[in-house]
PDB file of all heavy atoms in Angstrom:
ATOM      1  N   GLU A   1     -14.235 -16.142  10.512  1.00  0.00           N
ATOM      2  CA  GLU A   1     -14.672 -15.112  11.461  1.00  0.00           C
ATOM      3  C   GLU A   1     -16.164 -14.907  11.275  1.00  0.00           C
ATOM      4  O   GLU A   1     -16.614 -14.461  10.217  1.00  0.00           O
ATOM      5  CB  GLU A   1     -13.924 -13.810  11.199  1.00  0.00           C
ATOM      6  CG  GLU A   1     -14.306 -12.675  12.134  1.00  0.00           C
ATOM      7  CD  GLU A   1     -13.548 -11.407  11.820  1.00  0.00           C
ATOM      8  OE1 GLU A   1     -12.658 -11.433  10.951  1.00  0.00           O
ATOM      9  OE2 GLU A   1     -13.870 -10.374  12.447  1.00  0.00           O
ATOM     10  N   THR A   2     -16.976 -15.254  12.288  1.00  0.00           N
ATOM     11  CA  THR A   2     -18.427 -15.170  12.180  1.00  0.00           C
ATOM     12  C   THR A   2     -18.905 -13.759  12.438  1.00  0.00           C
ATOM     13  O   THR A   2     -18.130 -12.872  12.839  1.00  0.00           O
ATOM     14  CB  THR A   2     -19.096 -16.136  13.170  1.00  0.00           C
ATOM     15  OG1 THR A   2     -18.824 -15.688  14.504  1.00  0.00           O
ATOM     16  CG2 THR A   2     -18.553 -17.546  12.991  1.00  0.00           C
ATOM     17  N   ASP A   3     -20.209 -13.546  12.261  1.00  0.00           N
ATOM     18  CA  ASP A   3     -20.771 -12.220  12.495  1.00  0.00           C
ATOM     19  C   ASP A   3     -20.762 -11.839  13.979  1.00  0.00           C
ATOM     20  O   ASP A   3     -21.009 -10.704  14.339  1.00  0.00           O
ATOM     21  CB  ASP A   3     -22.209 -12.148  11.941  1.00  0.00           C
ATOM     22  CG  ASP A   3     -23.096 -13.253  12.486  1.00  0.00           C
ATOM     23  OD1 ASP A   3     -22.609 -14.079  13.277  1.00  0.00           O
ATOM     24  OD2 ASP A   3     -24.271 -13.299  12.103  1.00  0.00           O
ATOM     25  N   LYS A   4     -20.483 -12.805  14.837  1.00  0.00           N
ATOM     26  CA  LYS A   4     -20.407 -12.530  16.275  1.00  0.00           C
ATOM     27  C   LYS A   4     -18.960 -12.303  16.702  1.00  0.00           C
ATOM     28  O   LYS A   4     -18.639 -12.341  17.883  1.00  0.00           O
ATOM     29  CB  LYS A   4     -21.010 -13.695  17.065  1.00  0.00           C
ATOM     30  CG  LYS A   4     -22.498 -13.902  16.807  1.00  0.00           C
ATOM     31  CD  LYS A   4     -23.038 -15.056  17.641  1.00  0.00           C
ATOM     32  CE  LYS A   4     -24.533 -15.265  17.385  1.00  0.00           C
ATOM     33  NZ  LYS A   4     -25.061 -16.408  18.180  1.00  0.00           N
ATOM     34  N   ASN A   5     -18.100 -12.088  15.717  1.00  0.00           N
ATOM     35  CA  ASN A   5     -16.679 -11.838  15.972  1.00  0.00           C
ATOM     36  C   ASN A   5     -15.973 -13.022  16.627  1.00  0.00           C
ATOM     37  O   ASN A   5     -14.966 -12.854  17.331  1.00  0.00           O
ATOM     38  CB  ASN A   5     -16.486 -10.575  16.823  1.00  0.00           C
ATOM     39  CG  ASN A   5     -16.930  -9.326  16.096  1.00  0.00           C
ATOM     40  OD1 ASN A   5     -16.717  -9.195  14.895  1.00  0.00           O
ATOM     41  ND2 ASN A   5     -17.553  -8.411  16.822  1.00  0.00           N
ATOM     42  N   ASN A   6     -16.500 -14.202  16.402  1.00  0.00           N
ATOM     43  CA  ASN A   6     -15.864 -15.420  16.894  1.00  0.00           C
ATOM     44  C   ASN A   6     -14.976 -15.992  15.788  1.00  0.00           C
ATOM     45  O   ASN A   6     -15.336 -15.971  14.601  1.00  0.00           O
ATOM     46  CB  ASN A   6     -16.907 -16.464  17.302  1.00  0.00           C
ATOM     47  CG  ASN A   6     -17.689 -16.028  18.523  1.00  0.00           C
ATOM     48  OD1 ASN A   6     -17.142 -15.410  19.441  1.00  0.00           O
ATOM     49  ND2 ASN A   6     -18.979 -16.337  18.543  1.00  0.00           N
ATOM     50  N   ILE A   7     -13.817 -16.508  16.166  1.00  0.00           N
ATOM     51  CA  ILE A   7     -12.920 -17.142  15.208  1.00  0.00           C
ATOM     52  C   ILE A   7     -12.968 -18.649  15.426  1.00  0.00           C
ATOM     53  O   ILE A   7     -12.697 -19.135  16.516  1.00  0.00           O
ATOM     54  CB  ILE A   7     -11.470 -16.637  15.378  1.00  0.00           C
ATOM     55  CG1 ILE A   7     -11.420 -15.121  15.308  1.00  0.00           C
ATOM     56  CG2 ILE A   7     -10.573 -17.286  14.332  1.00  0.00           C
ATOM     57  CD1 ILE A   7     -11.818 -14.579  13.956  1.00  0.00           C
ATOM     58  N   VAL A   8     -13.325 -19.371  14.366  1.00  0.00           N
ATOM     59  CA  VAL A   8     -13.489 -20.818  14.458  1.00  0.00           C
ATOM     60  C   VAL A   8     -12.540 -21.500  13.470  1.00  0.00           C
ATOM     61  O   VAL A   8     -12.461 -21.101  12.303  1.00  0.00           O
ATOM     62  CB  VAL A   8     -14.935 -21.235  14.158  1.00  0.00           C
ATOM     63  CG1 VAL A   8     -15.078 -22.758  14.240  1.00  0.00           C
ATOM     64  CG2 VAL A   8     -15.903 -20.563  15.108  1.00  0.00           C
ATOM     65  N   LEU A   9     -11.821 -22.508  13.932  1.00  0.00           N
ATOM     66  CA  LEU A   9     -10.936 -23.277  13.065  1.00  0.00           C
ATOM     67  C   LEU A   9     -11.750 -24.297  12.276  1.00  0.00           C
ATOM     68  O   LEU A   9     -12.431 -25.146  12.844  1.00  0.00           O
ATOM     69  CB  LEU A   9      -9.871 -24.006  13.902  1.00  0.00           C
ATOM     70  CG  LEU A   9      -8.940 -24.947  13.130  1.00  0.00           C
ATOM     71  CD1 LEU A   9      -8.081 -24.172  12.136  1.00  0.00           C
ATOM     72  CD2 LEU A   9      -8.063 -25.734  14.111  1.00  0.00           C
ATOM     73  N   LEU A  10     -11.666 -24.207  10.958  1.00  0.00           N
ATOM     74  CA  LEU A  10     -12.395 -25.153  10.098  1.00  0.00           C
ATOM     75  C   LEU A  10     -11.542 -26.343   9.687  1.00  0.00           C
ATOM     76  O   LEU A  10     -12.053 -27.423   9.441  1.00  0.00           O
ATOM     77  CB  LEU A  10     -12.885 -24.437   8.840  1.00  0.00           C
ATOM     78  CG  LEU A  10     -14.010 -23.411   9.003  1.00  0.00           C
ATOM     79  CD1 LEU A  10     -14.387 -22.853   7.651  1.00  0.00           C
ATOM     80  CD2 LEU A  10     -15.226 -24.026   9.674  1.00  0.00           C
ATOM     81  N   GLY A  11     -10.254 -26.145   9.580  1.00  0.00           N
ATOM     82  CA  GLY A  11      -9.393 -27.246   9.183  1.00  0.00           C
ATOM     83  C   GLY A  11      -7.932 -26.854   9.217  1.00  0.00           C
ATOM     84  O   GLY A  11      -7.584 -25.681   9.075  1.00  0.00           O
ATOM     85  N   LYS A  12      -7.058 -27.824   9.397  1.00  0.00           N
ATOM     86  CA  LYS A  12      -5.624 -27.583   9.451  1.00  0.00           C
ATOM     87  C   LYS A  12      -4.908 -28.325   8.315  1.00  0.00           C
ATOM     88  O   LYS A  12      -5.363 -29.377   7.864  1.00  0.00           O
ATOM     89  CB  LYS A  12      -5.059 -28.047  10.804  1.00  0.00           C
ATOM     90  CG  LYS A  12      -5.562 -27.225  11.991  1.00  0.00           C
ATOM     91  CD  LYS A  12      -4.953 -27.727  13.300  1.00  0.00           C
ATOM     92  CE  LYS A  12      -3.451 -27.438  13.361  1.00  0.00           C
ATOM     93  NZ  LYS A  12      -3.186 -25.983  13.412  1.00  0.00           N
ATOM     94  N   ASN A  13      -3.805 -27.763   7.875  1.00  0.00           N
ATOM     95  CA  ASN A  13      -2.959 -28.377   6.851  1.00  0.00           C
ATOM     96  C   ASN A  13      -3.739 -28.741   5.583  1.00  0.00           C
ATOM     97  O   ASN A  13      -3.663 -29.860   5.070  1.00  0.00           O
ATOM     98  CB  ASN A  13      -2.279 -29.624   7.414  1.00  0.00           C
ATOM     99  CG  ASN A  13      -1.395 -29.302   8.610  1.00  0.00           C
ATOM    100  OD1 ASN A  13      -0.803 -28.228   8.675  1.00  0.00           O
ATOM    101  ND2 ASN A  13      -1.332 -30.226   9.557  1.00  0.00           N
ATOM    102  N   ILE A  14      -4.518 -27.786   5.113  1.00  0.00           N
ATOM    103  CA  ILE A  14      -5.317 -27.990   3.912  1.00  0.00           C
ATOM    104  C   ILE A  14      -4.524 -27.546   2.682  1.00  0.00           C
ATOM    105  O   ILE A  14      -3.964 -26.443   2.648  1.00  0.00           O
ATOM    106  CB  ILE A  14      -6.649 -27.213   4.009  1.00  0.00           C
ATOM    107  CG1 ILE A  14      -7.507 -27.812   5.139  1.00  0.00           C
ATOM    108  CG2 ILE A  14      -7.407 -27.270   2.689  1.00  0.00           C
ATOM    109  CD1 ILE A  14      -8.807 -27.102   5.364  1.00  0.00           C
ATOM    110  N   LEU A  15      -4.490 -28.384   1.663  1.00  0.00           N
ATOM    111  CA  LEU A  15      -3.706 -28.120   0.454  1.00  0.00           C
ATOM    112  C   LEU A  15      -4.383 -27.061  -0.417  1.00  0.00           C
ATOM    113  O   LEU A  15      -5.591 -27.140  -0.700  1.00  0.00           O
ATOM    114  CB  LEU A  15      -3.531 -29.411  -0.344  1.00  0.00           C
ATOM    115  CG  LEU A  15      -2.854 -29.283  -1.718  1.00  0.00           C
ATOM    116  CD1 LEU A  15      -1.414 -28.797  -1.569  1.00  0.00           C
ATOM    117  CD2 LEU A  15      -2.906 -30.627  -2.442  1.00  0.00           C
ATOM    118  N   VAL A  16      -3.603 -26.073  -0.855  1.00  0.00           N
ATOM    119  CA  VAL A  16      -4.069 -25.080  -1.826  1.00  0.00           C
ATOM    120  C   VAL A  16      -3.804 -25.629  -3.230  1.00  0.00           C
ATOM    121  O   VAL A  16      -2.651 -25.866  -3.603  1.00  0.00           O
ATOM    122  CB  VAL A  16      -3.345 -23.734  -1.636  1.00  0.00           C
ATOM    123  CG1 VAL A  16      -3.760 -22.747  -2.729  1.00  0.00           C
ATOM    124  CG2 VAL A  16      -3.644 -23.158  -0.264  1.00  0.00           C
ATOM    125  N   LEU A  17      -4.856 -25.841  -3.995  1.00  0.00           N
ATOM    126  CA  LEU A  17      -4.717 -26.380  -5.349  1.00  0.00           C
ATOM    127  C   LEU A  17      -4.403 -25.289  -6.365  1.00  0.00           C
ATOM    128  O   LEU A  17      -3.644 -25.504  -7.308  1.00  0.00           O
ATOM    129  CB  LEU A  17      -6.004 -27.088  -5.762  1.00  0.00           C
ATOM    130  CG  LEU A  17      -6.362 -28.361  -4.989  1.00  0.00           C
ATOM    131  CD1 LEU A  17      -7.735 -28.860  -5.418  1.00  0.00           C
ATOM    132  CD2 LEU A  17      -5.316 -29.440  -5.220  1.00  0.00           C
ATOM    133  N   GLU A  18      -4.974 -24.110  -6.149  1.00  0.00           N
ATOM    134  CA  GLU A  18      -4.810 -23.046  -7.133  1.00  0.00           C
ATOM    135  C   GLU A  18      -5.282 -21.722  -6.540  1.00  0.00           C
ATOM    136  O   GLU A  18      -6.104 -21.685  -5.630  1.00  0.00           O
ATOM    137  CB  GLU A  18      -5.625 -23.370  -8.395  1.00  0.00           C
ATOM    138  CG  GLU A  18      -5.380 -22.449  -9.566  1.00  0.00           C
ATOM    139  CD  GLU A  18      -6.174 -22.851 -10.797  1.00  0.00           C
ATOM    140  OE1 GLU A  18      -7.351 -23.231 -10.643  1.00  0.00           O
ATOM    141  OE2 GLU A  18      -5.624 -22.800 -11.913  1.00  0.00           O
ATOM    142  N   THR A  19      -4.732 -20.624  -7.066  1.00  0.00           N
ATOM    143  CA  THR A  19      -5.245 -19.282  -6.791  1.00  0.00           C
ATOM    144  C   THR A  19      -5.319 -18.559  -8.124  1.00  0.00           C
ATOM    145  O   THR A  19      -4.799 -19.057  -9.141  1.00  0.00           O
ATOM    146  CB  THR A  19      -4.321 -18.494  -5.831  1.00  0.00           C
ATOM    147  OG1 THR A  19      -3.171 -18.052  -6.564  1.00  0.00           O
ATOM    148  CG2 THR A  19      -3.883 -19.337  -4.646  1.00  0.00           C
ATOM    149  N   ASN A  20      -5.953 -17.419  -8.145  1.00  0.00           N
ATOM    150  CA  ASN A  20      -6.012 -16.666  -9.399  1.00  0.00           C
ATOM    151  C   ASN A  20      -4.617 -16.253  -9.871  1.00  0.00           C
ATOM    152  O   ASN A  20      -4.385 -16.055 -11.061  1.00  0.00           O
ATOM    153  CB  ASN A  20      -6.892 -15.431  -9.260  1.00  0.00           C
ATOM    154  CG  ASN A  20      -6.397 -14.475  -8.187  1.00  0.00           C
ATOM    155  OD1 ASN A  20      -6.452 -14.777  -7.003  1.00  0.00           O
ATOM    156  ND2 ASN A  20      -5.910 -13.316  -8.596  1.00  0.00           N
ATOM    157  N   LYS A  21      -3.650 -16.182  -8.947  1.00  0.00           N
ATOM    158  CA  LYS A  21      -2.280 -15.804  -9.309  1.00  0.00           C
ATOM    159  C   LYS A  21      -1.508 -16.962  -9.936  1.00  0.00           C
ATOM    160  O   LYS A  21      -0.444 -16.762 -10.518  1.00  0.00           O
ATOM    161  CB  LYS A  21      -1.522 -15.287  -8.087  1.00  0.00           C
ATOM    162  CG  LYS A  21      -2.065 -13.986  -7.535  1.00  0.00           C
ATOM    163  CD  LYS A  21      -1.239 -13.474  -6.385  1.00  0.00           C
ATOM    164  CE  LYS A  21       0.147 -13.049  -6.809  1.00  0.00           C
ATOM    165  NZ  LYS A  21       0.910 -12.402  -5.731  1.00  0.00           N
ATOM    166  N   SER A  22      -2.034 -18.183  -9.808  1.00  0.00           N
ATOM    167  CA  SER A  22      -1.320 -19.333 -10.365  1.00  0.00           C
ATOM    168  C   SER A  22      -1.873 -19.761 -11.717  1.00  0.00           C
ATOM    169  O   SER A  22      -1.403 -20.726 -12.300  1.00  0.00           O
ATOM    170  CB  SER A  22      -1.387 -20.520  -9.395  1.00  0.00           C
ATOM    171  OG  SER A  22      -2.718 -20.972  -9.221  1.00  0.00           O
ATOM    172  N   THR A  23      -2.898 -19.056 -12.208  1.00  0.00           N
ATOM    173  CA  THR A  23      -3.454 -19.391 -13.508  1.00  0.00           C
ATOM    174  C   THR A  23      -2.557 -18.878 -14.621  1.00  0.00           C
ATOM    175  O   THR A  23      -1.693 -18.024 -14.402  1.00  0.00           O
ATOM    176  CB  THR A  23      -4.871 -18.797 -13.682  1.00  0.00           C
ATOM    177  OG1 THR A  23      -4.806 -17.376 -13.487  1.00  0.00           O
ATOM    178  CG2 THR A  23      -5.839 -19.399 -12.673  1.00  0.00           C
ATOM    179  N   LYS A  24      -2.765 -19.376 -15.813  1.00  0.00           N
ATOM    180  CA  LYS A  24      -1.866 -19.115 -16.948  1.00  0.00           C
ATOM    181  C   LYS A  24      -1.745 -17.635 -17.287  1.00  0.00           C
ATOM    182  O   LYS A  24      -0.672 -17.148 -17.617  1.00  0.00           O
ATOM    183  CB  LYS A  24      -2.386 -19.890 -18.175  1.00  0.00           C
ATOM    184  CG  LYS A  24      -1.523 -19.733 -19.413  1.00  0.00           C
ATOM    185  CD  LYS A  24      -2.076 -20.560 -20.559  1.00  0.00           C
ATOM    186  CE  LYS A  24      -1.231 -20.409 -21.810  1.00  0.00           C
ATOM    187  NZ  LYS A  24      -1.774 -21.204 -22.949  1.00  0.00           N
ATOM    188  N   ASN A  25      -2.862 -16.896 -17.208  1.00  0.00           N
ATOM    189  CA  ASN A  25      -2.861 -15.509 -17.660  1.00  0.00           C
ATOM    190  C   ASN A  25      -2.657 -14.505 -16.531  1.00  0.00           C
ATOM    191  O   ASN A  25      -2.876 -13.306 -16.713  1.00  0.00           O
ATOM    192  CB  ASN A  25      -4.177 -15.194 -18.381  1.00  0.00           C
ATOM    193  CG  ASN A  25      -4.347 -16.029 -19.630  1.00  0.00           C
ATOM    194  OD1 ASN A  25      -3.404 -16.279 -20.354  1.00  0.00           O
ATOM    195  ND2 ASN A  25      -5.568 -16.478 -19.881  1.00  0.00           N
ATOM    196  N   SER A  26      -2.251 -14.963 -15.345  1.00  0.00           N
ATOM    197  CA  SER A  26      -2.094 -14.059 -14.212  1.00  0.00           C
ATOM    198  C   SER A  26      -0.807 -13.256 -14.335  1.00  0.00           C
ATOM    199  O   SER A  26       0.118 -13.617 -15.060  1.00  0.00           O
ATOM    200  CB  SER A  26      -2.076 -14.858 -12.904  1.00  0.00           C
ATOM    201  OG  SER A  26      -0.951 -15.717 -12.861  1.00  0.00           O
ATOM    202  N   LYS A  27      -0.757 -12.135 -13.608  1.00  0.00           N
ATOM    203  CA  LYS A  27       0.416 -11.265 -13.597  1.00  0.00           C
ATOM    204  C   LYS A  27       1.060 -11.296 -12.210  1.00  0.00           C
ATOM    205  O   LYS A  27       0.392 -11.533 -11.207  1.00  0.00           O
ATOM    206  CB  LYS A  27       0.016  -9.829 -13.956  1.00  0.00           C
ATOM    207  CG  LYS A  27      -0.626  -9.702 -15.334  1.00  0.00           C
ATOM    208  CD  LYS A  27      -1.042  -8.269 -15.598  1.00  0.00           C
ATOM    209  CE  LYS A  27      -1.699  -8.142 -16.968  1.00  0.00           C
ATOM    210  NZ  LYS A  27      -2.147  -6.737 -17.231  1.00  0.00           N
ATOM    211  N   ASP A  28       2.363 -11.038 -12.175  1.00  0.00           N
ATOM    212  CA  ASP A  28       3.096 -11.076 -10.913  1.00  0.00           C
ATOM    213  C   ASP A  28       2.566 -10.042  -9.920  1.00  0.00           C
ATOM    214  O   ASP A  28       2.597 -10.250  -8.713  1.00  0.00           O
ATOM    215  CB  ASP A  28       4.591 -10.830 -11.163  1.00  0.00           C
ATOM    216  CG  ASP A  28       5.234 -11.978 -11.943  1.00  0.00           C
ATOM    217  OD1 ASP A  28       4.670 -13.081 -11.902  1.00  0.00           O
ATOM    218  OD2 ASP A  28       6.270 -11.749 -12.581  1.00  0.00           O
ATOM    219  N   THR A  29       2.079  -8.923 -10.441  1.00  0.00           N
ATOM    220  CA  THR A  29       1.600  -7.847  -9.572  1.00  0.00           C
ATOM    221  C   THR A  29       0.135  -8.018  -9.162  1.00  0.00           C
ATOM    222  O   THR A  29      -0.380  -7.218  -8.395  1.00  0.00           O
ATOM    223  CB  THR A  29       1.763  -6.496 -10.286  1.00  0.00           C
ATOM    224  OG1 THR A  29       1.044  -6.534 -11.530  1.00  0.00           O
ATOM    225  CG2 THR A  29       3.223  -6.197 -10.557  1.00  0.00           C
TER     226      THR A  29
END
């Protein structure tokens, strides 16, 4: 979402490798 309130598609079907919730010390909450 740009500063002109335009929504632009950057890519489709992109693989998520990791999030902070998937790291070793993360909590369920």
